[in-house]
Structure formats: structure tokens, C-alpha cells
Amino acid sequence: MRSQHIWTERDEQGSKREVRATKFGGTWRLQAKTAGDLDWTYYERPLLDDLLALKGILVRKYHRRRASSEDVASVEKLIADQTGAES
């Protein structure tokens, strides 16, 4: 089953950036687009800030029973893999 989470953020210059995280077949795929861009940027290795934001979103959704604990755990594993931390 597909799981999709979308959020927007602003950088230091005030540019709006939309990020989409989709989980399909047990694999997370993140893409982002800045205001004014025509094409989406697909990340083979997602940015750590995006993964941390996704984790925060999933934890809040999990508390409201709108996300699974497996989704939270899989994102925590991606973060640990990127930071080199033990899980």
C-alpha cells in the first residue's frame, strides 16, 4: 500500500520548497521542488533535514493513528544509516 506525506518549508531567502515522501513496496522515495522550478528533484539519497522532518510528521501522525509504527521505524533506520549511528 502506498503512503504519501507532503509538506512545505521556507529557506533563509524566503523561497518556498515543497517536499513529497512516498513509501511504496517498503521503499521511501523523496522528491522536492522549489517555487519556480518546473521539474521535481528526485533524491537517491534523501537529505538528512528532509528525513528528520518526515520522522516528525510520521510521529505526529502515529499518535493520531494515521501512520504505522513500521513507517516510523523505517525512517529512523534511514536516518541512522545516513548519520552512521547505531540503531
N, C-alpha and C. Protein backbone atom coordinates (compact mmCIF):
# COMPACT_ATOMS: atom_id res chain seq x y z
N MET A 1 0.84 -1.18 0.00
CA MET A 1 0.00 0.00 0.00
C MET A 1 0.89 1.25 0.00
N ARG A 2 0.50 2.22 -0.75
CA ARG A 2 1.26 3.44 -0.88
C ARG A 2 0.95 4.40 0.26
N SER A 3 2.00 5.03 0.75
CA SER A 3 1.87 6.01 1.82
C SER A 3 2.57 7.28 1.35
N GLN A 4 1.86 8.41 1.36
CA GLN A 4 2.46 9.66 0.89
C GLN A 4 2.28 10.77 1.92
N HIS A 5 3.35 11.54 2.09
CA HIS A 5 3.34 12.66 3.04
C HIS A 5 3.94 13.87 2.31
N ILE A 6 3.28 15.02 2.42
CA ILE A 6 3.70 16.22 1.72
C ILE A 6 3.79 17.37 2.72
N TRP A 7 4.86 18.16 2.61
CA TRP A 7 4.99 19.34 3.46
C TRP A 7 5.74 20.43 2.71
N THR A 8 5.58 21.67 3.19
CA THR A 8 6.29 22.80 2.60
C THR A 8 7.13 23.47 3.69
N GLU A 9 8.19 24.10 3.24
CA GLU A 9 9.07 24.84 4.15
C GLU A 9 9.65 26.02 3.40
N ARG A 10 10.17 26.96 4.14
CA ARG A 10 10.82 28.14 3.54
C ARG A 10 12.28 28.15 3.95
N ASP A 11 13.15 28.54 2.99
CA ASP A 11 14.58 28.64 3.30
C ASP A 11 14.90 30.04 3.81
N GLU A 12 16.19 30.31 4.00
CA GLU A 12 16.62 31.59 4.58
C GLU A 12 16.22 32.78 3.71
N GLN A 13 16.17 32.58 2.39
CA GLN A 13 15.80 33.66 1.49
C GLN A 13 14.29 33.81 1.33
N GLY A 14 13.54 32.92 1.95
CA GLY A 14 12.09 33.00 1.87
C GLY A 14 11.49 32.21 0.73
N SER A 15 12.31 31.45 -0.01
CA SER A 15 11.80 30.62 -1.11
C SER A 15 11.04 29.43 -0.54
N LYS A 16 9.91 29.16 -1.15
CA LYS A 16 9.08 28.06 -0.70
C LYS A 16 9.54 26.77 -1.37
N ARG A 17 9.64 25.69 -0.58
CA ARG A 17 10.08 24.39 -1.08
C ARG A 17 9.07 23.34 -0.65
N GLU A 18 8.57 22.58 -1.61
CA GLU A 18 7.62 21.51 -1.32
C GLU A 18 8.35 20.17 -1.39
N VAL A 19 8.11 19.33 -0.40
CA VAL A 19 8.75 18.01 -0.34
C VAL A 19 7.66 16.96 -0.29
N ARG A 20 7.86 15.89 -1.07
CA ARG A 20 6.93 14.75 -1.06
C ARG A 20 7.71 13.50 -0.72
N ALA A 21 7.21 12.74 0.22
CA ALA A 21 7.81 11.47 0.60
C ALA A 21 6.77 10.38 0.36
N THR A 22 7.14 9.39 -0.44
CA THR A 22 6.23 8.32 -0.78
C THR A 22 6.87 6.99 -0.43
N LYS A 23 6.12 6.15 0.25
CA LYS A 23 6.60 4.80 0.55
C LYS A 23 5.78 3.83 -0.27
N PHE A 24 6.47 3.06 -1.10
CA PHE A 24 5.80 2.07 -1.93
C PHE A 24 6.68 0.83 -1.98
N GLY A 25 6.11 -0.31 -1.68
CA GLY A 25 6.87 -1.54 -1.70
C GLY A 25 7.97 -1.57 -0.65
N GLY A 26 7.76 -0.87 0.47
CA GLY A 26 8.74 -0.86 1.54
C GLY A 26 9.91 0.09 1.34
N THR A 27 9.88 0.87 0.26
CA THR A 27 10.98 1.79 -0.05
C THR A 27 10.47 3.22 -0.05
N TRP A 28 11.21 4.11 0.64
CA TRP A 28 10.87 5.53 0.66
C TRP A 28 11.50 6.21 -0.53
N ARG A 29 10.77 7.12 -1.16
CA ARG A 29 11.26 7.93 -2.26
C ARG A 29 10.90 9.38 -1.95
N LEU A 30 11.91 10.24 -1.90
CA LEU A 30 11.67 11.64 -1.60
C LEU A 30 11.96 12.48 -2.83
N GLN A 31 11.14 13.49 -3.02
CA GLN A 31 11.32 14.43 -4.12
C GLN A 31 10.99 15.82 -3.61
N ALA A 32 11.60 16.81 -4.22
CA ALA A 32 11.37 18.19 -3.78
C ALA A 32 11.37 19.12 -4.98
N LYS A 33 10.71 20.25 -4.79
CA LYS A 33 10.64 21.27 -5.84
C LYS A 33 10.55 22.63 -5.17
N THR A 34 11.41 23.53 -5.62
CA THR A 34 11.39 24.90 -5.13
C THR A 34 10.43 25.71 -5.99
N ALA A 35 9.80 26.71 -5.39
CA ALA A 35 8.88 27.57 -6.14
C ALA A 35 9.60 28.12 -7.36
N GLY A 36 8.98 28.01 -8.49
CA GLY A 36 9.57 28.49 -9.73
C GLY A 36 10.23 27.40 -10.55
N ASP A 37 10.58 26.28 -9.94
CA ASP A 37 11.14 25.15 -10.68
C ASP A 37 10.04 24.44 -11.45
N LEU A 38 10.40 23.94 -12.62
CA LEU A 38 9.42 23.21 -13.41
C LEU A 38 9.45 21.72 -13.09
N ASP A 39 10.63 21.20 -12.77
CA ASP A 39 10.78 19.76 -12.56
C ASP A 39 11.06 19.44 -11.10
N TRP A 40 10.66 18.27 -10.69
CA TRP A 40 10.94 17.76 -9.36
C TRP A 40 12.36 17.21 -9.30
N THR A 41 12.99 17.35 -8.17
CA THR A 41 14.29 16.74 -7.92
C THR A 41 14.05 15.47 -7.12
N TYR A 42 14.47 14.33 -7.69
CA TYR A 42 14.32 13.05 -7.02
C TYR A 42 15.64 12.71 -6.35
N TYR A 43 15.58 12.35 -5.07
CA TYR A 43 16.78 12.08 -4.30
C TYR A 43 17.02 10.59 -4.19
N GLU A 44 18.18 10.14 -4.67
CA GLU A 44 18.57 8.76 -4.46
C GLU A 44 18.95 8.56 -3.00
N ARG A 45 19.64 9.57 -2.45
CA ARG A 45 19.96 9.59 -1.02
C ARG A 45 19.32 10.86 -0.46
N PRO A 46 18.20 10.72 0.25
CA PRO A 46 17.46 11.90 0.73
C PRO A 46 18.31 12.76 1.67
N LEU A 47 18.02 14.04 1.70
CA LEU A 47 18.70 14.97 2.60
C LEU A 47 18.33 14.64 4.04
N LEU A 48 19.30 14.77 4.93
CA LEU A 48 19.07 14.45 6.34
C LEU A 48 17.97 15.33 6.93
N ASP A 49 17.95 16.62 6.58
CA ASP A 49 16.90 17.51 7.09
C ASP A 49 15.52 17.05 6.66
N ASP A 50 15.40 16.55 5.43
CA ASP A 50 14.11 16.05 4.95
C ASP A 50 13.70 14.79 5.72
N LEU A 51 14.66 13.92 5.99
CA LEU A 51 14.34 12.71 6.75
C LEU A 51 13.90 13.04 8.17
N LEU A 52 14.57 14.01 8.79
CA LEU A 52 14.18 14.42 10.14
C LEU A 52 12.79 15.04 10.15
N ALA A 53 12.48 15.85 9.14
CA ALA A 53 11.14 16.43 9.04
C ALA A 53 10.10 15.34 8.83
N LEU A 54 10.42 14.36 7.97
CA LEU A 54 9.49 13.25 7.73
C LEU A 54 9.25 12.45 9.01
N LYS A 55 10.31 12.22 9.77
CA LYS A 55 10.16 11.49 11.03
C LYS A 55 9.22 12.24 11.97
N GLY A 56 9.38 13.57 12.07
CA GLY A 56 8.50 14.36 12.92
C GLY A 56 7.05 14.26 12.48
N ILE A 57 6.82 14.31 11.18
CA ILE A 57 5.46 14.19 10.64
C ILE A 57 4.88 12.82 10.96
N LEU A 58 5.68 11.78 10.73
CA LEU A 58 5.19 10.43 10.98
C LEU A 58 4.90 10.18 12.45
N VAL A 59 5.72 10.70 13.34
CA VAL A 59 5.48 10.52 14.78
C VAL A 59 4.16 11.19 15.16
N ARG A 60 3.94 12.40 14.68
CA ARG A 60 2.67 13.08 14.99
C ARG A 60 1.49 12.31 14.42
N LYS A 61 1.62 11.80 13.18
CA LYS A 61 0.53 11.03 12.58
C LYS A 61 0.33 9.70 13.32
N TYR A 62 1.42 9.11 13.77
CA TYR A 62 1.32 7.85 14.52
C TYR A 62 0.51 8.04 15.80
N HIS A 63 0.73 9.14 16.49
CA HIS A 63 -0.03 9.42 17.72
C HIS A 63 -1.51 9.60 17.44
N ARG A 64 -1.85 10.02 16.22
CA ARG A 64 -3.25 10.17 15.84
C ARG A 64 -3.77 8.94 15.09
N ARG A 65 -2.95 7.86 15.06
CA ARG A 65 -3.29 6.61 14.38
C ARG A 65 -3.49 6.79 12.88
N ARG A 66 -2.68 7.67 12.30
CA ARG A 66 -2.76 7.92 10.85
C ARG A 66 -1.50 7.42 10.14
N ALA A 67 -0.55 6.86 10.90
CA ALA A 67 0.68 6.27 10.34
C ALA A 67 1.04 5.06 11.18
N SER A 68 1.79 4.15 10.59
CA SER A 68 2.15 2.92 11.30
C SER A 68 3.50 3.06 12.00
N SER A 69 3.69 2.23 13.00
CA SER A 69 4.96 2.21 13.71
C SER A 69 6.08 1.71 12.79
N GLU A 70 5.73 0.89 11.81
CA GLU A 70 6.72 0.40 10.84
C GLU A 70 7.26 1.55 9.98
N ASP A 71 6.39 2.50 9.63
CA ASP A 71 6.84 3.66 8.85
C ASP A 71 7.82 4.49 9.66
N VAL A 72 7.50 4.72 10.93
CA VAL A 72 8.40 5.48 11.81
C VAL A 72 9.73 4.76 11.94
N ALA A 73 9.71 3.45 12.15
CA ALA A 73 10.94 2.67 12.32
C ALA A 73 11.78 2.68 11.05
N SER A 74 11.14 2.61 9.89
CA SER A 74 11.90 2.58 8.63
C SER A 74 12.59 3.92 8.38
N VAL A 75 11.95 5.03 8.74
CA VAL A 75 12.59 6.34 8.58
C VAL A 75 13.71 6.50 9.60
N GLU A 76 13.50 6.02 10.82
CA GLU A 76 14.57 6.07 11.82
C GLU A 76 15.78 5.27 11.36
N LYS A 77 15.56 4.16 10.66
CA LYS A 77 16.68 3.37 10.13
C LYS A 77 17.41 4.15 9.03
N LEU A 78 16.67 4.83 8.16
CA LEU A 78 17.31 5.65 7.12
C LEU A 78 18.16 6.75 7.74
N ILE A 79 17.66 7.37 8.80
CA ILE A 79 18.41 8.42 9.49
C ILE A 79 19.67 7.83 10.10
N ALA A 80 19.54 6.68 10.76
CA ALA A 80 20.70 6.03 11.38
C ALA A 80 21.74 5.65 10.32
N ASP A 81 21.27 5.17 9.17
CA ASP A 81 22.19 4.80 8.09
C ASP A 81 22.97 6.01 7.59
N GLN A 82 22.30 7.16 7.50
CA GLN A 82 22.95 8.37 7.00
C GLN A 82 23.91 8.97 8.02
N THR A 83 23.57 8.89 9.28
CA THR A 83 24.41 9.51 10.30
C THR A 83 25.47 8.54 10.83
N GLY A 84 25.33 7.27 10.47
CA GLY A 84 26.29 6.29 10.94
C GLY A 84 26.06 5.87 12.37
N ALA A 85 24.91 6.22 12.91
CA ALA A 85 24.58 5.89 14.31
C ALA A 85 24.07 4.45 14.39
N GLU A 86 24.25 3.88 15.53
CA GLU A 86 23.72 2.54 15.80
C GLU A 86 22.23 2.66 16.10
N SER A 87 21.45 1.69 15.60
CA SER A 87 20.03 1.73 15.90
C SER A 87 19.66 0.85 17.06
